[in-house]
Amino acid sequence: MFCMKAIYFGCIGIVVALITAFFTVDFTYLYKITGAAALLCVALAGLTSGAFVSGQQYGRNIHSETKQTRQERYGMMLFSLKAAVPNICSAILFYLLIA
């Protein structure tokens, strides 16, 4: 169930892109908006996973946090990555169809 919520959340970016493209009659917004949403989700996943910190700082963070907070952070990272999947797929598809 948690996986489907993330995918539905990711589909919100696709719906926003479709609405924007139809109202502005500029269909390049389809891959621009979905690509930006995918990039945002991947960046958020990187931030919550600790991918952008040094090894020493990551080790100190792991040492100072509890198992529960580590699991919550890991869950947020997975949610962000799963939300990025529909946006990545649609951005590639829209780019290949339009450009």
PDB file of N, CA and C in Angstrom:
ATOM      1  N   MET A   1       0.823  -1.201   0.000  1.00  0.00           N
ATOM      2  CA  MET A   1       0.000   0.000   0.000  1.00  0.00           C
ATOM      3  C   MET A   1       0.865   1.262   0.000  1.00  0.00           C
ATOM      4  N   PHE A   2       1.968   1.212   0.764  1.00  0.00           N
ATOM      5  CA  PHE A   2       2.859   2.366   0.840  1.00  0.00           C
ATOM      6  C   PHE A   2       3.477   2.662  -0.521  1.00  0.00           C
ATOM      7  N   CYS A   3       3.763   1.624  -1.275  1.00  0.00           N
ATOM      8  CA  CYS A   3       4.355   1.789  -2.600  1.00  0.00           C
ATOM      9  C   CYS A   3       3.380   2.495  -3.546  1.00  0.00           C
ATOM     10  N   MET A   4       2.127   2.123  -3.481  1.00  0.00           N
ATOM     11  CA  MET A   4       1.135   2.727  -4.371  1.00  0.00           C
ATOM     12  C   MET A   4       0.906   4.195  -4.033  1.00  0.00           C
ATOM     13  N   LYS A   5       0.975   4.558  -2.754  1.00  0.00           N
ATOM     14  CA  LYS A   5       0.830   5.965  -2.379  1.00  0.00           C
ATOM     15  C   LYS A   5       1.949   6.799  -2.997  1.00  0.00           C
ATOM     16  N   ALA A   6       3.148   6.264  -2.988  1.00  0.00           N
ATOM     17  CA  ALA A   6       4.283   6.988  -3.562  1.00  0.00           C
ATOM     18  C   ALA A   6       4.118   7.143  -5.068  1.00  0.00           C
ATOM     19  N   ILE A   7       3.650   6.111  -5.724  1.00  0.00           N
ATOM     20  CA  ILE A   7       3.459   6.184  -7.172  1.00  0.00           C
ATOM     21  C   ILE A   7       2.327   7.152  -7.516  1.00  0.00           C
ATOM     22  N   TYR A   8       1.245   7.129  -6.731  1.00  0.00           N
ATOM     23  CA  TYR A   8       0.161   8.091  -6.957  1.00  0.00           C
ATOM     24  C   TYR A   8       0.650   9.515  -6.720  1.00  0.00           C
ATOM     25  N   PHE A   9       1.473   9.699  -5.701  1.00  0.00           N
ATOM     26  CA  PHE A   9       2.034  11.019  -5.435  1.00  0.00           C
ATOM     27  C   PHE A   9       2.909  11.471  -6.601  1.00  0.00           C
ATOM     28  N   GLY A  10       3.653  10.543  -7.182  1.00  0.00           N
ATOM     29  CA  GLY A  10       4.474  10.868  -8.341  1.00  0.00           C
ATOM     30  C   GLY A  10       3.651  11.214  -9.564  1.00  0.00           C
ATOM     31  N   CYS A  11       2.469  10.632  -9.670  1.00  0.00           N
ATOM     32  CA  CYS A  11       1.593  10.913 -10.814  1.00  0.00           C
ATOM     33  C   CYS A  11       0.989  12.310 -10.755  1.00  0.00           C
ATOM     34  N   ILE A  12       1.034  12.950  -9.592  1.00  0.00           N
ATOM     35  CA  ILE A  12       0.527  14.321  -9.484  1.00  0.00           C
ATOM     36  C   ILE A  12       1.320  15.248 -10.403  1.00  0.00           C
ATOM     37  N   GLY A  13       2.631  15.043 -10.491  1.00  0.00           N
ATOM     38  CA  GLY A  13       3.458  15.853 -11.390  1.00  0.00           C
ATOM     39  C   GLY A  13       3.067  15.679 -12.844  1.00  0.00           C
ATOM     40  N   ILE A  14       2.681  14.468 -13.206  1.00  0.00           N
ATOM     41  CA  ILE A  14       2.254  14.207 -14.585  1.00  0.00           C
ATOM     42  C   ILE A  14       0.949  14.926 -14.880  1.00  0.00           C
ATOM     43  N   VAL A  15       0.020  14.892 -13.936  1.00  0.00           N
ATOM     44  CA  VAL A  15      -1.273  15.561 -14.122  1.00  0.00           C
ATOM     45  C   VAL A  15      -1.076  17.070 -14.223  1.00  0.00           C
ATOM     46  N   VAL A  16      -0.220  17.624 -13.371  1.00  0.00           N
ATOM     47  CA  VAL A  16       0.069  19.064 -13.434  1.00  0.00           C
ATOM     48  C   VAL A  16       0.683  19.422 -14.786  1.00  0.00           C
ATOM     49  N   ALA A  17       1.584  18.590 -15.278  1.00  0.00           N
ATOM     50  CA  ALA A  17       2.208  18.847 -16.580  1.00  0.00           C
ATOM     51  C   ALA A  17       1.184  18.786 -17.707  1.00  0.00           C
ATOM     52  N   LEU A  18       0.287  17.809 -17.655  1.00  0.00           N
ATOM     53  CA  LEU A  18      -0.745  17.697 -18.693  1.00  0.00           C
ATOM     54  C   LEU A  18      -1.675  18.904 -18.697  1.00  0.00           C
ATOM     55  N   ILE A  19      -2.111  19.323 -17.522  1.00  0.00           N
ATOM     56  CA  ILE A  19      -3.011  20.481 -17.432  1.00  0.00           C
ATOM     57  C   ILE A  19      -2.307  21.738 -17.929  1.00  0.00           C
ATOM     58  N   THR A  20      -1.065  21.941 -17.505  1.00  0.00           N
ATOM     59  CA  THR A  20      -0.313  23.122 -17.935  1.00  0.00           C
ATOM     60  C   THR A  20      -0.087  23.125 -19.440  1.00  0.00           C
ATOM     61  N   ALA A  21       0.243  21.984 -19.992  1.00  0.00           N
ATOM     62  CA  ALA A  21       0.511  21.902 -21.432  1.00  0.00           C
ATOM     63  C   ALA A  21      -0.741  22.175 -22.251  1.00  0.00           C
ATOM     64  N   PHE A  22      -1.876  21.673 -21.804  1.00  0.00           N
ATOM     65  CA  PHE A  22      -3.099  21.893 -22.575  1.00  0.00           C
ATOM     66  C   PHE A  22      -3.591  23.331 -22.474  1.00  0.00           C
ATOM     67  N   PHE A  23      -3.416  23.963 -21.309  1.00  0.00           N
ATOM     68  CA  PHE A  23      -3.866  25.345 -21.184  1.00  0.00           C
ATOM     69  C   PHE A  23      -2.939  26.334 -21.878  1.00  0.00           C
ATOM     70  N   THR A  24      -1.649  26.045 -21.924  1.00  0.00           N
ATOM     71  CA  THR A  24      -0.716  26.960 -22.575  1.00  0.00           C
ATOM     72  C   THR A  24      -0.454  26.598 -24.030  1.00  0.00           C
ATOM     73  N   VAL A  25      -0.918  25.451 -24.466  1.00  0.00           N
ATOM     74  CA  VAL A  25      -0.718  24.922 -25.809  1.00  0.00           C
ATOM     75  C   VAL A  25       0.781  24.860 -26.147  1.00  0.00           C
ATOM     76  N   ASP A  26       1.585  24.612 -25.147  1.00  0.00           N
ATOM     77  CA  ASP A  26       3.024  24.412 -25.327  1.00  0.00           C
ATOM     78  C   ASP A  26       3.361  23.049 -24.732  1.00  0.00           C
ATOM     79  N   PHE A  27       3.492  22.058 -25.587  1.00  0.00           N
ATOM     80  CA  PHE A  27       3.631  20.688 -25.114  1.00  0.00           C
ATOM     81  C   PHE A  27       5.048  20.346 -24.662  1.00  0.00           C
ATOM     82  N   THR A  28       5.979  21.291 -24.782  1.00  0.00           N
ATOM     83  CA  THR A  28       7.299  21.048 -24.204  1.00  0.00           C
ATOM     84  C   THR A  28       7.241  21.075 -22.680  1.00  0.00           C
ATOM     85  N   TYR A  29       6.184  21.683 -22.139  1.00  0.00           N
ATOM     86  CA  TYR A  29       6.013  21.676 -20.683  1.00  0.00           C
ATOM     87  C   TYR A  29       5.822  20.266 -20.149  1.00  0.00           C
ATOM     88  N   LEU A  30       5.383  19.339 -20.990  1.00  0.00           N
ATOM     89  CA  LEU A  30       5.160  17.970 -20.528  1.00  0.00           C
ATOM     90  C   LEU A  30       6.448  17.356 -19.998  1.00  0.00           C
ATOM     91  N   TYR A  31       7.517  17.426 -20.776  1.00  0.00           N
ATOM     92  CA  TYR A  31       8.752  16.810 -20.290  1.00  0.00           C
ATOM     93  C   TYR A  31       9.545  17.735 -19.385  1.00  0.00           C
ATOM     94  N   LYS A  32       9.327  19.042 -19.474  1.00  0.00           N
ATOM     95  CA  LYS A  32      10.034  19.955 -18.578  1.00  0.00           C
ATOM     96  C   LYS A  32       9.525  19.829 -17.144  1.00  0.00           C
ATOM     97  N   ILE A  33       8.215  19.808 -16.979  1.00  0.00           N
ATOM     98  CA  ILE A  33       7.642  19.728 -15.632  1.00  0.00           C
ATOM     99  C   ILE A  33       7.867  18.352 -15.023  1.00  0.00           C
ATOM    100  N   THR A  34       7.644  17.294 -15.804  1.00  0.00           N
ATOM    101  CA  THR A  34       7.852  15.958 -15.245  1.00  0.00           C
ATOM    102  C   THR A  34       9.334  15.700 -14.968  1.00  0.00           C
ATOM    103  N   GLY A  35      10.204  16.230 -15.790  1.00  0.00           N
ATOM    104  CA  GLY A  35      11.638  16.098 -15.533  1.00  0.00           C
ATOM    105  C   GLY A  35      12.066  16.851 -14.282  1.00  0.00           C
ATOM    106  N   ALA A  36      11.501  18.047 -14.087  1.00  0.00           N
ATOM    107  CA  ALA A  36      11.817  18.816 -12.880  1.00  0.00           C
ATOM    108  C   ALA A  36      11.282  18.116 -11.630  1.00  0.00           C
ATOM    109  N   ALA A  37      10.090  17.541 -11.728  1.00  0.00           N
ATOM    110  CA  ALA A  37       9.532  16.807 -10.587  1.00  0.00           C
ATOM    111  C   ALA A  37      10.379  15.580 -10.267  1.00  0.00           C
ATOM    112  N   ALA A  38      10.858  14.894 -11.295  1.00  0.00           N
ATOM    113  CA  ALA A  38      11.721  13.729 -11.077  1.00  0.00           C
ATOM    114  C   ALA A  38      13.040  14.147 -10.443  1.00  0.00           C
ATOM    115  N   LEU A  39      13.611  15.235 -10.930  1.00  0.00           N
ATOM    116  CA  LEU A  39      14.866  15.727 -10.368  1.00  0.00           C
ATOM    117  C   LEU A  39      14.691  16.133  -8.910  1.00  0.00           C
ATOM    118  N   LEU A  40      13.580  16.770  -8.600  1.00  0.00           N
ATOM    119  CA  LEU A  40      13.293  17.169  -7.223  1.00  0.00           C
ATOM    120  C   LEU A  40      13.159  15.953  -6.313  1.00  0.00           C
ATOM    121  N   CYS A  41      12.464  14.931  -6.770  1.00  0.00           N
ATOM    122  CA  CYS A  41      12.291  13.712  -5.964  1.00  0.00           C
ATOM    123  C   CYS A  41      13.615  12.991  -5.749  1.00  0.00           C
ATOM    124  N   VAL A  42      14.439  12.910  -6.772  1.00  0.00           N
ATOM    125  CA  VAL A  42      15.734  12.239  -6.639  1.00  0.00           C
ATOM    126  C   VAL A  42      16.655  13.038  -5.714  1.00  0.00           C
ATOM    127  N   ALA A  43      16.624  14.365  -5.811  1.00  0.00           N
ATOM    128  CA  ALA A  43      17.439  15.198  -4.924  1.00  0.00           C
ATOM    129  C   ALA A  43      16.980  15.055  -3.477  1.00  0.00           C
ATOM    130  N   LEU A  44      15.677  15.003  -3.263  1.00  0.00           N
ATOM    131  CA  LEU A  44      15.149  14.808  -1.912  1.00  0.00           C
ATOM    132  C   LEU A  44      15.551  13.445  -1.359  1.00  0.00           C
ATOM    133  N   ALA A  45      15.537  12.436  -2.202  1.00  0.00           N
ATOM    134  CA  ALA A  45      15.977  11.102  -1.773  1.00  0.00           C
ATOM    135  C   ALA A  45      17.460  11.117  -1.419  1.00  0.00           C
ATOM    136  N   GLY A  46      18.252  11.827  -2.185  1.00  0.00           N
ATOM    137  CA  GLY A  46      19.675  11.933  -1.882  1.00  0.00           C
ATOM    138  C   GLY A  46      19.938  12.659  -0.577  1.00  0.00           C
ATOM    139  N   LEU A  47      19.167  13.711  -0.324  1.00  0.00           N
ATOM    140  CA  LEU A  47      19.332  14.445   0.927  1.00  0.00           C
ATOM    141  C   LEU A  47      18.938  13.603   2.133  1.00  0.00           C
ATOM    142  N   THR A  48      17.828  12.889   2.026  1.00  0.00           N
ATOM    143  CA  THR A  48      17.380  12.097   3.168  1.00  0.00           C
ATOM    144  C   THR A  48      18.223  10.845   3.379  1.00  0.00           C
ATOM    145  N   SER A  49      18.899  10.371   2.346  1.00  0.00           N
ATOM    146  CA  SER A  49      19.739   9.185   2.517  1.00  0.00           C
ATOM    147  C   SER A  49      21.120   9.537   3.049  1.00  0.00           C
ATOM    148  N   GLY A  50      21.506  10.799   2.964  1.00  0.00           N
ATOM    149  CA  GLY A  50      22.832  11.200   3.408  1.00  0.00           C
ATOM    150  C   GLY A  50      23.881  11.004   2.336  1.00  0.00           C
ATOM    151  N   ALA A  51      23.479  11.003   1.090  1.00  0.00           N
ATOM    152  CA  ALA A  51      24.412  10.757  -0.007  1.00  0.00           C
ATOM    153  C   ALA A  51      25.322  11.952  -0.292  1.00  0.00           C
ATOM    154  N   PHE A  52      24.953  13.132   0.184  1.00  0.00           N
ATOM    155  CA  PHE A  52      25.720  14.328  -0.140  1.00  0.00           C
ATOM    156  C   PHE A  52      26.630  14.787   0.997  1.00  0.00           C
ATOM    157  N   VAL A  53      26.857  13.934   1.993  1.00  0.00           N
ATOM    158  CA  VAL A  53      27.743  14.290   3.100  1.00  0.00           C
ATOM    159  C   VAL A  53      28.990  13.414   3.037  1.00  0.00           C
ATOM    160  N   SER A  54      30.026  13.847   3.745  1.00  0.00           N
ATOM    161  CA  SER A  54      31.273  13.078   3.743  1.00  0.00           C
ATOM    162  C   SER A  54      31.113  11.807   4.572  1.00  0.00           C
ATOM    163  N   GLY A  55      32.047  10.911   4.434  1.00  0.00           N
ATOM    164  CA  GLY A  55      31.986   9.643   5.150  1.00  0.00           C
ATOM    165  C   GLY A  55      32.052   9.812   6.653  1.00  0.00           C
ATOM    166  N   GLN A  56      32.886  10.742   7.122  1.00  0.00           N
ATOM    167  CA  GLN A  56      32.995  10.971   8.561  1.00  0.00           C
ATOM    168  C   GLN A  56      31.700  11.538   9.125  1.00  0.00           C
ATOM    169  N   GLN A  57      31.128  12.496   8.412  1.00  0.00           N
ATOM    170  CA  GLN A  57      29.883  13.095   8.883  1.00  0.00           C
ATOM    171  C   GLN A  57      28.754  12.070   8.851  1.00  0.00           C
ATOM    172  N   TYR A  58      28.713  11.232   7.831  1.00  0.00           N
ATOM    173  CA  TYR A  58      27.687  10.191   7.748  1.00  0.00           C
ATOM    174  C   TYR A  58      27.836   9.198   8.897  1.00  0.00           C
ATOM    175  N   GLY A  59      29.070   8.843   9.216  1.00  0.00           N
ATOM    176  CA  GLY A  59      29.313   7.932  10.332  1.00  0.00           C
ATOM    177  C   GLY A  59      28.862   8.517  11.654  1.00  0.00           C
ATOM    178  N   ARG A  60      29.118   9.814  11.853  1.00  0.00           N
ATOM    179  CA  ARG A  60      28.651  10.472  13.080  1.00  0.00           C
ATOM    180  C   ARG A  60      27.132  10.544  13.125  1.00  0.00           C
ATOM    181  N   ASN A  61      26.511  10.777  11.978  1.00  0.00           N
ATOM    182  CA  ASN A  61      25.050  10.823  11.950  1.00  0.00           C
ATOM    183  C   ASN A  61      24.458   9.462  12.280  1.00  0.00           C
ATOM    184  N   ILE A  62      25.019   8.408  11.723  1.00  0.00           N
ATOM    185  CA  ILE A  62      24.537   7.052  11.994  1.00  0.00           C
ATOM    186  C   ILE A  62      24.721   6.714  13.471  1.00  0.00           C
ATOM    187  N   HIS A  63      25.866   7.116  14.030  1.00  0.00           N
ATOM    188  CA  HIS A  63      26.148   6.798  15.427  1.00  0.00           C
ATOM    189  C   HIS A  63      25.193   7.535  16.367  1.00  0.00           C
ATOM    190  N   SER A  64      24.819   8.763  16.030  1.00  0.00           N
ATOM    191  CA  SER A  64      24.023   9.580  16.948  1.00  0.00           C
ATOM    192  C   SER A  64      22.517   9.378  16.808  1.00  0.00           C
ATOM    193  N   GLU A  65      22.045   8.746  15.752  1.00  0.00           N
ATOM    194  CA  GLU A  65      20.604   8.579  15.595  1.00  0.00           C
ATOM    195  C   GLU A  65      20.154   7.200  16.063  1.00  0.00           C
ATOM    196  N   THR A  66      18.882   7.121  16.411  1.00  0.00           N
ATOM    197  CA  THR A  66      18.333   5.849  16.874  1.00  0.00           C
ATOM    198  C   THR A  66      17.933   4.991  15.679  1.00  0.00           C
ATOM    199  N   LYS A  67      17.640   3.753  15.961  1.00  0.00           N
ATOM    200  CA  LYS A  67      17.238   2.834  14.895  1.00  0.00           C
ATOM    201  C   LYS A  67      15.915   3.280  14.277  1.00  0.00           C
ATOM    202  N   GLN A  68      15.019   3.820  15.092  1.00  0.00           N
ATOM    203  CA  GLN A  68      13.720   4.267  14.591  1.00  0.00           C
ATOM    204  C   GLN A  68      13.869   5.457  13.650  1.00  0.00           C
ATOM    205  N   THR A  69      14.690   6.431  14.005  1.00  0.00           N
ATOM    206  CA  THR A  69      14.864   7.588  13.116  1.00  0.00           C
ATOM    207  C   THR A  69      15.570   7.189  11.827  1.00  0.00           C
ATOM    208  N   ARG A  70      16.484   6.224  11.916  1.00  0.00           N
ATOM    209  CA  ARG A  70      17.160   5.736  10.709  1.00  0.00           C
ATOM    210  C   ARG A  70      16.162   5.053   9.779  1.00  0.00           C
ATOM    211  N   GLN A  71      15.237   4.274  10.351  1.00  0.00           N
ATOM    212  CA  GLN A  71      14.214   3.615   9.537  1.00  0.00           C
ATOM    213  C   GLN A  71      13.256   4.633   8.925  1.00  0.00           C
ATOM    214  N   GLU A  72      12.913   5.691   9.674  1.00  0.00           N
ATOM    215  CA  GLU A  72      12.047   6.744   9.131  1.00  0.00           C
ATOM    216  C   GLU A  72      12.733   7.462   7.971  1.00  0.00           C
ATOM    217  N   ARG A  73      14.014   7.757   8.142  1.00  0.00           N
ATOM    218  CA  ARG A  73      14.770   8.428   7.083  1.00  0.00           C
ATOM    219  C   ARG A  73      14.877   7.543   5.847  1.00  0.00           C
ATOM    220  N   TYR A  74      15.100   6.266   6.057  1.00  0.00           N
ATOM    221  CA  TYR A  74      15.170   5.308   4.954  1.00  0.00           C
ATOM    222  C   TYR A  74      13.814   5.206   4.250  1.00  0.00           C
ATOM    223  N   GLY A  75      12.726   5.234   5.024  1.00  0.00           N
ATOM    224  CA  GLY A  75      11.386   5.194   4.435  1.00  0.00           C
ATOM    225  C   GLY A  75      11.101   6.422   3.583  1.00  0.00           C
ATOM    226  N   MET A  76      11.537   7.606   4.061  1.00  0.00           N
ATOM    227  CA  MET A  76      11.351   8.830   3.271  1.00  0.00           C
ATOM    228  C   MET A  76      12.153   8.771   1.982  1.00  0.00           C
ATOM    229  N   MET A  77      13.356   8.188   2.056  1.00  0.00           N
ATOM    230  CA  MET A  77      14.179   8.068   0.857  1.00  0.00           C
ATOM    231  C   MET A  77      13.503   7.157  -0.165  1.00  0.00           C
ATOM    232  N   LEU A  78      12.997   6.013   0.286  1.00  0.00           N
ATOM    233  CA  LEU A  78      12.325   5.093  -0.633  1.00  0.00           C
ATOM    234  C   LEU A  78      11.060   5.712  -1.219  1.00  0.00           C
ATOM    235  N   PHE A  79      10.306   6.449  -0.400  1.00  0.00           N
ATOM    236  CA  PHE A  79       9.101   7.116  -0.886  1.00  0.00           C
ATOM    237  C   PHE A  79       9.453   8.098  -1.996  1.00  0.00           C
ATOM    238  N   SER A  80      10.512   8.880  -1.795  1.00  0.00           N
ATOM    239  CA  SER A  80      10.920   9.859  -2.805  1.00  0.00           C
ATOM    240  C   SER A  80      11.376   9.183  -4.094  1.00  0.00           C
ATOM    241  N   LEU A  81      12.115   8.092  -3.968  1.00  0.00           N
ATOM    242  CA  LEU A  81      12.566   7.389  -5.171  1.00  0.00           C
ATOM    243  C   LEU A  81      11.402   6.755  -5.921  1.00  0.00           C
ATOM    244  N   LYS A  82      10.452   6.185  -5.193  1.00  0.00           N
ATOM    245  CA  LYS A  82       9.288   5.577  -5.849  1.00  0.00           C
ATOM    246  C   LYS A  82       8.403   6.640  -6.486  1.00  0.00           C
ATOM    247  N   ALA A  83       8.350   7.833  -5.890  1.00  0.00           N
ATOM    248  CA  ALA A  83       7.575   8.924  -6.483  1.00  0.00           C
ATOM    249  C   ALA A  83       8.258   9.464  -7.738  1.00  0.00           C
ATOM    250  N   ALA A  84       9.569   9.298  -7.838  1.00  0.00           N
ATOM    251  CA  ALA A  84      10.304   9.786  -9.009  1.00  0.00           C
ATOM    252  C   ALA A  84      10.127   8.888 -10.222  1.00  0.00           C
ATOM    253  N   VAL A  85       9.833   7.618 -10.009  1.00  0.00           N
ATOM    254  CA  VAL A  85       9.770   6.657 -11.122  1.00  0.00           C
ATOM    255  C   VAL A  85       8.747   7.046 -12.193  1.00  0.00           C
ATOM    256  N   PRO A  86       7.477   7.359 -11.841  1.00  0.00           N
ATOM    257  CA  PRO A  86       6.541   7.733 -12.912  1.00  0.00           C
ATOM    258  C   PRO A  86       6.950   9.011 -13.637  1.00  0.00           C
ATOM    259  N   ASN A  87       7.561   9.943 -12.899  1.00  0.00           N
ATOM    260  CA  ASN A  87       7.994  11.188 -13.534  1.00  0.00           C
ATOM    261  C   ASN A  87       9.167  10.964 -14.481  1.00  0.00           C
ATOM    262  N   ILE A  88      10.091  10.109 -14.110  1.00  0.00           N
ATOM    263  CA  ILE A  88      11.226   9.810 -14.990  1.00  0.00           C
ATOM    264  C   ILE A  88      10.740   9.129 -16.264  1.00  0.00           C
ATOM    265  N   CYS A  89       9.876   8.135 -16.099  1.00  0.00           N
ATOM    266  CA  CYS A  89       9.358   7.409 -17.273  1.00  0.00           C
ATOM    267  C   CYS A  89       8.571   8.330 -18.195  1.00  0.00           C
ATOM    268  N   SER A  90       7.717   9.164 -17.615  1.00  0.00           N
ATOM    269  CA  SER A  90       6.907  10.049 -18.455  1.00  0.00           C
ATOM    270  C   SER A  90       7.754  11.145 -19.090  1.00  0.00           C
ATOM    271  N   ALA A  91       8.762  11.646 -18.395  1.00  0.00           N
ATOM    272  CA  ALA A  91       9.626  12.672 -18.985  1.00  0.00           C
ATOM    273  C   ALA A  91      10.366  12.116 -20.194  1.00  0.00           C
ATOM    274  N   ILE A  92      10.870  10.901 -20.076  1.00  0.00           N
ATOM    275  CA  ILE A  92      11.559  10.274 -21.213  1.00  0.00           C
ATOM    276  C   ILE A  92      10.585  10.036 -22.360  1.00  0.00           C
ATOM    277  N   LEU A  93       9.414   9.519 -22.043  1.00  0.00           N
ATOM    278  CA  LEU A  93       8.408   9.241 -23.072  1.00  0.00           C
ATOM    279  C   LEU A  93       7.954  10.518 -23.770  1.00  0.00           C
ATOM    280  N   PHE A  94       7.634  11.555 -22.998  1.00  0.00           N
ATOM    281  CA  PHE A  94       7.194  12.815 -23.597  1.00  0.00           C
ATOM    282  C   PHE A  94       8.305  13.441 -24.433  1.00  0.00           C
ATOM    283  N   TYR A  95       9.548  13.348 -23.975  1.00  0.00           N
ATOM    284  CA  TYR A  95      10.650  13.917 -24.741  1.00  0.00           C
ATOM    285  C   TYR A  95      10.812  13.195 -26.075  1.00  0.00           C
ATOM    286  N   LEU A  96      10.723  11.880 -26.053  1.00  0.00           N
ATOM    287  CA  LEU A  96      10.869  11.120 -27.298  1.00  0.00           C
ATOM    288  C   LEU A  96       9.710  11.364 -28.259  1.00  0.00           C
ATOM    289  N   LEU A  97       8.522  11.595 -27.724  1.00  0.00           N
ATOM    290  CA  LEU A  97       7.362  11.830 -28.582  1.00  0.00           C
ATOM    291  C   LEU A  97       7.313  13.254 -29.134  1.00  0.00           C
ATOM    292  N   ILE A  98       7.781  14.222 -28.368  1.00  0.00           N
ATOM    293  CA  ILE A  98       7.617  15.625 -28.753  1.00  0.00           C
ATOM    294  C   ILE A  98       8.861  16.181 -29.436  1.00  0.00           C
ATOM    295  N   ALA A  99      10.016  15.942 -28.864  1.00  0.00           N
ATOM    296  CA  ALA A  99      11.244  16.570 -29.382  1.00  0.00           C
ATOM    297  C   ALA A  99      11.778  15.866 -30.606  1.00  0.00           C
TER     298      ALA A  99
END
